[in-house]
């Protein structure tokens, strides 16, 4: 088990990922305050959802070590991501209609 995880990255890399996650979180908060009067709420929500998806992928790939897993585990994880995207696209029109009311 220990030999499999020898190729993991250094602590400095994980700190860089952490800082990137903080920056993305700050961007999400900034977008919610700065862009709410400039663009529609659906655009702001879409931007925040994209940033949240990027953050979730970074966490799954590096902190949960999905990047180092074998193919079957990756297939299960990526299929969950695909299902999420499909469900998001299916629900999105209803959310847009409710925002226009």
Protein backbone atom coordinates (compact mmCIF):
# COMPACT_ATOMS: atom_id res chain seq x y z
CA UNK A 1 0.00 0.00 0.00
CA UNK A 2 2.75 2.44 0.94
CA UNK A 3 4.69 1.68 -2.25
CA UNK A 4 1.67 2.60 -4.37
CA UNK A 5 1.54 6.07 -2.85
CA UNK A 6 5.25 6.87 -3.18
CA UNK A 7 4.64 8.80 -6.39
CA UNK A 8 2.36 11.35 -4.74
CA UNK A 9 3.32 14.96 -4.95
CA UNK A 10 5.08 17.04 -2.34
CA UNK A 11 3.52 19.02 0.47
CA UNK A 12 4.34 22.22 -1.41
CA UNK A 13 2.14 21.08 -4.29
CA UNK A 14 -0.77 20.40 -1.91
CA UNK A 15 -0.30 23.86 -0.40
CA UNK A 16 -0.45 25.34 -3.92
CA UNK A 17 -3.71 23.47 -4.57
CA UNK A 18 -5.04 24.78 -1.24
CA UNK A 19 -4.14 28.36 -2.17
CA UNK A 20 -5.81 27.88 -5.56
CA UNK A 21 -8.94 26.64 -3.79
CA UNK A 22 -8.90 29.74 -1.57
CA UNK A 23 -8.54 31.98 -4.63
CA UNK A 24 -11.44 30.23 -6.38
CA UNK A 25 -13.58 30.58 -3.25
CA UNK A 26 -12.73 34.27 -3.05
CA UNK A 27 -13.60 34.66 -6.73
CA UNK A 28 -16.97 33.02 -6.09
CA UNK A 29 -17.74 35.45 -3.28
CA UNK A 30 -16.48 38.41 -5.31
CA UNK A 31 -18.61 37.42 -8.30
CA UNK A 32 -21.70 37.18 -6.12
CA UNK A 33 -21.21 40.73 -4.82
CA UNK A 34 -19.60 42.54 -7.75
CA UNK A 35 -21.53 41.11 -10.68
CA UNK A 36 -25.03 40.97 -9.25
CA UNK A 37 -25.86 44.46 -10.58
CA UNK A 38 -23.95 44.06 -13.85
CA UNK A 39 -25.31 40.79 -15.26
CA UNK A 40 -28.34 38.64 -14.59
CA UNK A 41 -28.52 36.37 -11.58
CA UNK A 42 -28.46 33.26 -13.76
CA UNK A 43 -25.06 34.26 -15.19
CA UNK A 44 -23.65 34.82 -11.70
CA UNK A 45 -25.04 31.50 -10.48
CA UNK A 46 -23.62 29.78 -13.56
CA UNK A 47 -20.17 31.25 -12.93
CA UNK A 48 -20.25 30.21 -9.30
CA UNK A 49 -21.35 26.69 -10.26
CA UNK A 50 -18.49 26.40 -12.74
CA UNK A 51 -16.00 27.54 -10.09
CA UNK A 52 -17.50 25.11 -7.59
CA UNK A 53 -17.18 22.27 -10.08
CA UNK A 54 -13.52 23.13 -10.67
CA UNK A 55 -12.92 23.18 -6.92
CA UNK A 56 -14.65 19.82 -6.49
CA UNK A 57 -12.53 18.30 -9.25
CA UNK A 58 -9.32 19.63 -7.68
CA UNK A 59 -10.30 18.15 -4.33
CA UNK A 60 -11.25 14.80 -5.86
CA UNK A 61 -8.14 14.53 -8.01
CA UNK A 62 -5.51 15.57 -5.50
CA UNK A 63 -6.78 15.47 -1.91
CA UNK A 64 -8.87 12.32 -2.40
CA UNK A 65 -6.08 10.86 -4.60
CA UNK A 66 -8.44 9.97 -7.43
CA UNK A 67 -5.65 10.83 -9.83
CA UNK A 68 -3.67 7.85 -8.51
CA UNK A 69 -6.47 5.29 -8.45
CA UNK A 70 -6.85 2.37 -10.81
CA UNK A 71 -9.08 2.53 -13.88
CA UNK A 72 -12.28 0.98 -12.38
CA UNK A 73 -12.36 3.52 -9.55
CA UNK A 74 -11.81 6.35 -12.01
CA UNK A 75 -14.63 5.07 -14.23
CA UNK A 76 -17.05 5.08 -11.29
CA UNK A 77 -15.99 8.56 -10.22
CA UNK A 78 -16.11 10.03 -13.71
CA UNK A 79 -19.50 8.43 -14.38
CA UNK A 80 -20.81 10.23 -11.29
CA UNK A 81 -19.50 13.49 -12.72
CA UNK A 82 -21.21 12.78 -16.05
CA UNK A 83 -24.49 12.00 -14.29
CA UNK A 84 -24.18 15.27 -12.35
CA UNK A 85 -23.66 17.24 -15.56
CA UNK A 86 -26.63 15.54 -17.25
CA UNK A 87 -28.90 16.24 -14.26
CA UNK A 88 -27.67 19.82 -14.10
CA UNK A 89 -28.47 20.37 -17.78
CA UNK A 90 -31.91 18.80 -17.34
CA UNK A 91 -32.78 21.04 -14.37
CA UNK A 92 -31.21 24.23 -15.75
CA UNK A 93 -34.18 25.33 -17.92
CA UNK A 94 -36.51 25.14 -14.93
CA UNK A 95 -34.12 27.28 -12.90
CA UNK A 96 -33.88 29.88 -15.64
CA UNK A 97 -37.68 30.09 -15.93
CA UNK A 98 -38.01 30.56 -12.14
CA UNK A 99 -35.40 33.34 -12.14
CA UNK A 100 -37.36 35.32 -14.73
CA UNK A 101 -40.48 35.46 -12.55
